[in-house]
Protein backbone atom coordinates (compact mmCIF):
# COMPACT_ATOMS: atom_id res chain seq x y z
CA UNK A 1 27.16 -16.29 -1.96
CA UNK A 2 29.93 -13.90 -1.15
CA UNK A 3 27.32 -11.22 -0.04
CA UNK A 4 25.60 -13.82 2.23
CA UNK A 5 28.96 -14.82 3.75
CA UNK A 6 29.90 -11.29 4.47
CA UNK A 7 26.66 -10.39 6.01
CA UNK A 8 25.93 -13.76 7.97
CA UNK A 9 29.05 -15.81 8.26
CA UNK A 10 27.19 -18.66 6.46
CA UNK A 11 28.69 -20.43 3.42
CA UNK A 12 25.64 -21.27 1.19
CA UNK A 13 25.44 -23.85 -1.65
CA UNK A 14 23.03 -24.27 -4.63
CA UNK A 15 21.00 -21.01 -4.36
CA UNK A 16 17.87 -20.97 -6.36
CA UNK A 17 16.50 -17.63 -7.98
CA UNK A 18 13.01 -17.32 -6.59
CA UNK A 19 12.33 -13.78 -7.74
CA UNK A 20 13.21 -10.09 -8.68
CA UNK A 21 12.16 -7.29 -6.56
CA UNK A 22 11.98 -3.79 -7.96
CA UNK A 23 11.17 -0.76 -5.94
CA UNK A 24 11.02 2.89 -7.22
CA UNK A 25 11.09 5.87 -5.24
CA UNK A 26 11.03 9.22 -7.18
CA UNK A 27 13.72 8.95 -9.77
CA UNK A 28 15.52 6.04 -8.01
CA UNK A 29 14.98 2.43 -9.04
CA UNK A 30 16.40 -0.27 -6.99
CA UNK A 31 16.51 -4.01 -7.97
CA UNK A 32 17.11 -6.93 -5.69
CA UNK A 33 17.29 -10.64 -6.68
CA UNK A 34 15.92 -13.08 -4.06
CA UNK A 35 17.41 -16.49 -3.64
CA UNK A 36 16.72 -19.51 -1.61
CA UNK A 37 18.70 -22.45 -0.44
CA UNK A 38 18.58 -24.89 2.66
CA UNK A 39 22.19 -25.90 2.14
CA UNK A 40 24.64 -23.83 4.27
CA UNK A 41 27.37 -24.22 6.69
CA UNK A 42 28.90 -22.06 9.43
CA UNK A 43 27.69 -20.10 12.43
CA UNK A 44 25.25 -17.29 12.01
CA UNK A 45 26.97 -13.92 12.97
CA UNK A 46 25.91 -10.29 12.68
CA UNK A 47 27.87 -7.66 10.63
CA UNK A 48 28.12 -3.97 10.10
CA UNK A 49 25.01 -4.42 7.87
CA UNK A 50 22.80 -5.25 11.13
CA UNK A 51 21.99 -7.90 13.68
CA UNK A 52 20.93 -11.39 12.03
CA UNK A 53 19.19 -14.26 13.87
CA UNK A 54 16.87 -17.10 13.31
CA UNK A 55 13.36 -16.80 13.96
CA UNK A 56 10.42 -19.00 13.24
CA UNK A 57 7.81 -18.48 10.61
CA UNK A 58 5.11 -18.02 13.24
CA UNK A 59 6.84 -15.20 14.97
CA UNK A 60 8.23 -13.79 11.92
CA UNK A 61 4.54 -13.27 10.54
CA UNK A 62 3.70 -11.63 13.88
CA UNK A 63 6.48 -8.92 13.42
CA UNK A 64 5.83 -5.51 12.40
CA UNK A 65 7.61 -5.77 8.75
CA UNK A 66 9.21 -3.08 6.57
CA UNK A 67 7.07 -2.01 3.71
CA UNK A 68 7.37 -4.75 0.89
CA UNK A 69 8.32 -7.61 3.19
CA UNK A 70 4.97 -9.24 2.69
CA UNK A 71 5.72 -9.42 -0.97
CA UNK A 72 9.20 -10.81 -0.41
CA UNK A 73 7.62 -13.47 1.78
CA UNK A 74 5.17 -14.46 -0.96
CA UNK A 75 7.89 -14.70 -3.60
CA UNK A 76 10.23 -16.70 -1.14
CA UNK A 77 7.45 -19.30 -0.57
CA UNK A 78 6.35 -19.71 -4.08
CA UNK A 79 7.01 -22.71 -6.10
CA UNK A 80 7.73 -20.67 -9.30
CA UNK A 81 9.91 -17.67 -9.81
CA UNK A 82 7.98 -14.39 -9.39
CA UNK A 83 8.61 -10.67 -9.83
CA UNK A 84 7.32 -7.64 -7.76
CA UNK A 85 7.23 -4.02 -8.70
CA UNK A 86 6.80 -1.75 -5.84
CA UNK A 87 6.28 2.01 -6.40
CA UNK A 88 6.47 4.37 -3.51
CA UNK A 89 4.22 7.44 -4.11
CA UNK A 90 2.94 10.26 -2.06
CA UNK A 91 -0.21 8.48 -1.56
CA UNK A 92 1.56 5.34 -0.42
CA UNK A 93 3.01 2.19 -1.61
CA UNK A 94 1.82 0.14 -4.68
CA UNK A 95 2.94 -3.22 -5.25
CA UNK A 96 2.12 -5.61 -8.10
CA UNK A 97 3.54 -9.40 -8.13
CA UNK A 98 3.43 -11.37 -11.34
């Protein structure tokens, strides 16, 4: 909740864990926890982390997305918690959701 506030200016309530996202590149393994909520207060503001803004679902799906964002989208719109393992190789990206 602190991280969301620092990066967006929004105070969230009752976040629900939707999934765990792992990505591996060489010897480095990163892990992200994906939460969802529709309870928030405040005004959306950008931070040093980057520009933040609201966008419709339709427009979001038309955007050129960073690798792995399709899997994040799938996790965030699931009714059950999921886990994704993404491995970045010389041949490309391998993603597995379970």
